[in-house]
Each structure stands twice: as C-alpha cells, then as structure tokens.
Amino acid sequence: MRAPATSAASHPRIRPVGEHALLVELDSGADAEALHAALIERRAAGTLPPVREIVPAARTVLLDGVEDPRALAAQLVTWDIPAAPPRAQEVVELPVRYDGPDLAEVAALWGVAADEVVRIHSTTEFRVAFCGFAPGFGYLTGLPERYTVPRRATPRTSVPAGAVGLAGPYTGVYPRPSPGGWQLIGTTDAPLWDHARVPAALLSPGTRVHFVPVTGASGPVGAAAKPVSVPTAEHA
C-alpha cells in the first residue's frame, strides 16, 4: 500500500494491523499531529469511513475498528494533509510552582538562568500530541528543538503526582506517583485524571495547554486547572 500524501512527511507508510486496523507510520511527530487533526476533522464532518478509534502516538496514528481497511487505505493516499492548524478553542491553564529538583540542571542544559527557564516554559503554548504511559499522561509539544533535554541517566524510583517534567522534545505532567526519568522543573495540583469527571482525562490529543507560574506559594498550588480563551502565545 502507498501512504497518504502530506506536506511535510517524506516517507509515510500504511501497515495493516490484524483484520480491522491500519497503522500509519510517519517521519515526525509534526506529521503525526497533522494526520490526526485531519482524521478528527473529517470524522466530525462525516466524510471519514467508519472507524471506531483514532489513536495518535509519537510518529504513528492507529486506526482501529475500520470497517473496510483496504478502502480506507486507498482513500488516504489521495489526501493532501497540511500542517495541523493552531486551535481557536479554549486553552487549559495549569497553575505551576516552578520548584522542581532538576530546574537548575535544565537551566544549565539550556544555557540560561533558572528564571529564564520559567519564562520560556510558561510563555510557550503547548499542544498534546498524544497520550500514553499512564492514564491522563499527555506528551506535550511546543518547545523549539534547541530546548530538547535528555532523560535522567538514573530514573527516580518515585515521582510525585503533579510533577511537571521534560524529556526529549516533550513536556509532561505525572498524573499519579510512579517511577520516572524525566527532568522535573515544577509541580501542579491540577488533577490530570479523575474517574468522577467526564472525560476522566484533563488532557487529550489536540488540547492546547499553558503553564501559569504561581509565586509566593509554599504550600499547594491551590488554583485548579481551568479552560480559558487566550490568544496564541509566542515563545523564545
């Protein structure tokens, strides 16, 4: 099978998975985000053939519960998929106390002061590229490539819920205590996963996110995450 045409991907691939699923492999996370956005838009418009689930990942999009995989694959190759547009809807604001144990290390890796890490991170508009690792954990993109950081050489055996971390090109927030190797730069009390909430996950693929610094707080951050309408932010 040939792959769908995209404006940026050079060698995307479509692979059958079982009898009723397709896995589209792309060359970058940006290409995967663009394809995911196009699929969601077409499903909402009623122009996408029946698909039960659309699951984005770092560089793939899985289409599960496909009624006719061959027909859908044939349709995908005719698409011209532009870059995913910025979303105009509400943004989730996460209040953050930038008190992480790795803040100084991240500052050294970036070649800036710690307060500049806070400024850069909090003025960046992030987007949830995909979810995984644990329920409610979103992989957020938005930082320029020069701010990519490695995982810790030795992962921590326990990272607290609400820890805000960086790894590779991603920012993430731990929804519950767990082992982890991300560079921790802050803390939020926002509940990322709540069984009593519909939907249970605060962040889902495509969600826009802003981190809001909370200063002068020695205890819990306090303010709950909230969706607000804000203009697109510029970052350094």
Protein backbone atom coordinates (compact mmCIF):
# COMPACT_ATOMS: atom_id res chain seq x y z
CA MET A 1 0.00 0.00 0.00
CA ARG A 2 1.09 3.54 -0.65
CA ALA A 3 0.85 6.10 2.12
CA PRO A 4 -1.15 9.32 2.40
CA ALA A 5 0.40 12.41 0.92
CA THR A 6 1.37 15.04 3.47
CA SER A 7 3.02 18.39 3.08
CA ALA A 8 5.98 17.51 5.31
CA ALA A 9 6.32 13.74 5.51
CA SER A 10 8.72 12.22 3.01
CA HIS A 11 8.17 8.50 3.57
CA PRO A 12 4.95 7.75 5.49
CA ARG A 13 3.84 4.11 5.47
CA ILE A 14 0.48 2.35 5.95
CA ARG A 15 0.56 -1.09 7.52
CA PRO A 16 -2.38 -3.43 8.15
CA VAL A 17 -2.82 -4.48 11.78
CA GLY A 18 -4.99 -7.57 12.08
CA GLU A 19 -8.20 -7.58 10.03
CA HIS A 20 -9.72 -4.24 11.02
CA ALA A 21 -6.95 -1.77 11.76
CA LEU A 22 -4.35 0.34 9.97
CA LEU A 23 -1.13 1.80 11.37
CA VAL A 24 0.14 4.90 9.60
CA GLU A 25 3.85 5.46 10.27
CA LEU A 26 5.20 8.98 9.69
CA ASP A 27 8.60 10.60 9.73
CA SER A 28 7.99 13.11 12.52
CA GLY A 29 5.72 13.98 15.38
CA ALA A 30 4.50 17.05 13.47
CA ASP A 31 3.35 14.81 10.62
CA ALA A 32 1.52 12.52 13.05
CA GLU A 33 -0.20 15.50 14.67
CA ALA A 34 -1.25 16.83 11.25
CA LEU A 35 -2.70 13.48 10.18
CA HIS A 36 -4.50 13.05 13.50
CA ALA A 37 -6.06 16.53 13.17
CA ALA A 38 -7.17 15.78 9.61
CA LEU A 39 -8.75 12.47 10.63
CA ILE A 40 -10.64 14.05 13.53
CA GLU A 41 -11.87 16.88 11.32
CA ARG A 42 -13.10 14.51 8.62
CA ARG A 43 -14.80 12.22 11.11
CA ALA A 44 -16.62 15.22 12.62
CA ALA A 45 -17.70 16.28 9.14
CA GLY A 46 -18.95 12.77 8.34
CA THR A 47 -16.52 12.30 5.44
CA LEU A 48 -14.36 9.61 7.07
CA PRO A 49 -15.37 5.94 6.58
CA PRO A 50 -16.41 4.17 9.81
CA VAL A 51 -13.51 3.99 12.31
CA ARG A 52 -14.00 3.10 15.97
CA GLU A 53 -10.80 4.61 17.37
CA ILE A 54 -8.12 7.05 16.19
CA VAL A 55 -5.04 6.73 18.40
CA PRO A 56 -2.06 9.07 17.83
CA ALA A 57 1.43 8.28 19.11
CA ALA A 58 4.88 9.83 18.73
CA ARG A 59 5.18 9.14 14.99
CA THR A 60 2.20 6.94 14.21
CA VAL A 61 -1.58 7.06 14.05
CA LEU A 62 -3.53 3.85 14.64
CA LEU A 63 -6.97 3.48 13.05
CA ASP A 64 -8.82 0.70 14.85
CA GLY A 65 -12.22 -0.81 14.16
CA VAL A 66 -12.00 0.05 10.48
CA GLU A 67 -14.95 -1.34 8.56
CA ASP A 68 -13.03 -1.65 5.26
CA PRO A 69 -9.25 -1.19 5.75
CA ARG A 70 -8.39 -1.55 2.07
CA ALA A 71 -10.93 1.06 1.03
CA LEU A 72 -9.74 3.50 3.71
CA ALA A 73 -6.09 2.97 2.75
CA ALA A 74 -7.00 3.70 -0.87
CA GLN A 75 -8.75 6.90 0.22
CA LEU A 76 -5.85 8.04 2.41
CA VAL A 77 -3.40 8.07 -0.50
CA THR A 78 -5.46 10.78 -2.19
CA TRP A 79 -5.35 13.18 0.76
CA ASP A 80 -3.27 16.36 0.82
CA ILE A 81 -2.68 16.91 4.53
CA PRO A 82 -1.48 20.39 5.55
CA ALA A 83 0.24 21.12 8.83
CA ALA A 84 -2.10 20.96 11.81
CA PRO A 85 -3.56 24.46 12.29
CA PRO A 86 -3.48 26.17 15.68
CA ARG A 87 -6.74 25.57 17.51
CA ALA A 88 -9.02 28.53 18.18
CA GLN A 89 -10.92 26.95 21.05
CA GLU A 90 -10.25 27.11 24.75
CA VAL A 91 -6.86 26.51 26.32
CA VAL A 92 -6.30 24.50 29.51
CA GLU A 93 -4.29 26.54 32.00
CA LEU A 94 -2.23 24.55 34.51
CA PRO A 95 -1.01 26.53 37.56
CA VAL A 96 2.59 25.52 38.27
CA ARG A 97 5.01 26.15 41.08
CA TYR A 98 8.40 26.03 39.36
CA ASP A 99 10.16 24.25 42.21
CA GLY A 100 11.40 21.08 40.52
CA PRO A 101 14.65 19.44 41.66
CA ASP A 102 16.02 19.46 38.11
CA LEU A 103 15.29 23.13 37.32
CA ALA A 104 18.94 24.14 37.74
CA GLU A 105 20.12 21.23 35.58
CA VAL A 106 17.68 22.16 32.81
CA ALA A 107 18.87 25.77 33.03
CA ALA A 108 22.46 24.57 32.56
CA LEU A 109 21.46 22.41 29.58
CA TRP A 110 19.67 25.36 28.00
CA GLY A 111 22.49 27.76 28.84
CA VAL A 112 20.20 30.19 30.67
CA ALA A 113 19.30 31.19 34.23
CA ALA A 114 16.63 29.27 36.12
CA ASP A 115 14.16 32.17 35.95
CA GLU A 116 14.61 32.21 32.17
CA VAL A 117 13.60 28.52 32.04
CA VAL A 118 10.41 29.54 33.85
CA ARG A 119 9.78 32.40 31.42
CA ILE A 120 10.37 30.29 28.32
CA HIS A 121 8.29 27.36 29.55
CA SER A 122 5.39 29.47 30.82
CA THR A 123 5.14 31.63 27.68
CA THR A 124 5.10 28.64 25.33
CA GLU A 125 1.78 27.37 24.03
CA PHE A 126 1.83 23.58 24.18
CA ARG A 127 -0.30 21.04 22.37
CA VAL A 128 -0.99 17.47 23.45
CA ALA A 129 0.50 15.35 20.66
CA PHE A 130 -0.59 12.01 22.13
CA CYS A 131 -1.27 10.26 25.43
CA GLY A 132 0.29 7.19 27.00
CA PHE A 133 2.49 5.82 29.81
CA ALA A 134 -0.30 6.24 32.39
CA PRO A 135 -3.96 7.30 32.30
CA GLY A 136 -4.06 11.08 31.92
CA PHE A 137 -0.41 11.48 30.87
CA GLY A 138 -0.12 13.71 27.80
CA TYR A 139 3.00 14.23 25.71
CA LEU A 140 3.05 17.98 25.04
CA THR A 141 4.92 19.59 22.16
CA GLY A 142 5.69 23.26 21.62
CA LEU A 143 9.23 23.97 22.79
CA PRO A 144 11.72 24.67 19.99
CA GLU A 145 14.19 21.91 19.18
CA ARG A 146 17.06 23.74 20.90
CA TYR A 147 15.33 23.13 24.25
CA THR A 148 15.32 19.34 23.89
CA VAL A 149 16.77 17.70 27.02
CA PRO A 150 17.81 14.10 27.74
CA ARG A 151 16.12 11.90 30.29
CA ARG A 152 17.94 11.48 33.58
CA ALA A 153 20.77 8.96 33.44
CA THR A 154 19.27 7.25 36.50
CA PRO A 155 15.45 7.34 36.71
CA ARG A 156 13.84 8.12 40.05
CA THR A 157 12.09 5.24 41.76
CA SER A 158 9.22 7.55 42.70
CA VAL A 159 7.98 10.77 41.10
CA PRO A 160 5.07 12.52 42.85
CA ALA A 161 1.74 13.19 41.20
CA GLY A 162 1.64 16.63 39.64
CA ALA A 163 5.35 16.76 38.81
CA VAL A 164 6.00 18.70 35.60
CA GLY A 165 8.87 17.23 33.61
CA LEU A 166 10.81 17.49 30.37
CA ALA A 167 12.25 14.66 28.27
CA GLY A 168 13.40 14.88 24.67
CA PRO A 169 11.08 17.35 22.88
CA TYR A 170 8.18 16.76 25.29
CA THR A 171 6.71 18.27 28.43
CA GLY A 172 4.52 16.07 30.61
CA VAL A 173 2.74 16.06 33.97
CA TYR A 174 2.72 12.90 36.07
CA PRO A 175 -0.95 12.13 36.88
CA ARG A 176 -0.06 9.79 39.75
CA PRO A 177 3.04 8.72 41.72
CA SER A 178 5.27 6.45 39.63
CA PRO A 179 8.89 5.79 38.70
CA GLY A 180 10.18 8.18 36.05
CA GLY A 181 13.25 9.57 34.35
CA TRP A 182 12.05 12.98 33.18
CA GLN A 183 13.76 16.23 34.23
CA LEU A 184 11.43 17.72 36.86
CA ILE A 185 11.02 21.51 36.78
CA GLY A 186 7.78 22.14 38.65
CA THR A 187 4.65 20.99 40.45
CA THR A 188 0.90 21.38 39.87
CA ASP A 189 -2.07 20.27 41.94
CA ALA A 190 -4.36 20.07 38.91
CA PRO A 191 -6.00 16.60 38.72
CA LEU A 192 -4.89 15.12 35.41
CA TRP A 193 -7.10 12.03 35.84
CA ASP A 194 -10.39 11.96 37.73
CA HIS A 195 -12.77 8.98 37.46
CA ALA A 196 -15.67 11.21 38.54
CA ARG A 197 -15.05 13.64 35.68
CA VAL A 198 -16.32 13.25 32.11
CA PRO A 199 -13.99 12.82 30.38
CA ALA A 200 -11.72 11.47 33.11
CA ALA A 201 -8.56 12.82 31.42
CA LEU A 202 -7.99 16.56 31.64
CA LEU A 203 -5.69 16.44 28.60
CA SER A 204 -6.44 14.69 25.32
CA PRO A 205 -4.70 14.74 21.91
CA GLY A 206 -5.00 18.17 20.34
CA THR A 207 -5.63 20.04 23.61
CA ARG A 208 -3.80 23.39 23.91
CA VAL A 209 -2.06 23.95 27.25
CA HIS A 210 -0.50 26.90 29.05
CA PHE A 211 1.55 26.59 32.24
CA VAL A 212 0.91 29.52 34.59
CA PRO A 213 3.61 30.28 37.19
CA VAL A 214 2.39 30.54 40.78
CA THR A 215 4.67 32.61 43.00
CA GLY A 216 4.85 33.12 46.73
CA ALA A 217 3.22 29.75 47.49
CA SER A 218 4.90 27.48 50.00
CA GLY A 219 2.02 25.02 50.12
CA PRO A 220 -0.25 23.56 47.44
CA VAL A 221 -0.58 25.49 44.20
CA GLY A 222 -4.26 25.84 45.01
CA ALA A 223 -5.86 27.10 41.79
CA ALA A 224 -7.44 24.34 39.76
CA ALA A 225 -6.76 23.84 36.09
CA LYS A 226 -9.27 25.72 34.00
CA PRO A 227 -10.07 26.23 30.33
CA VAL A 228 -9.77 29.83 29.18
CA SER A 229 -9.82 31.63 25.86
CA VAL A 230 -6.42 33.17 25.20
CA PRO A 231 -4.50 34.26 22.09
CA THR A 232 -1.66 32.13 20.79
CA ALA A 233 1.49 32.79 22.84
CA GLU A 234 4.95 33.45 21.45
CA HIS A 235 7.96 31.70 22.92
CA ALA A 236 11.67 32.46 22.81
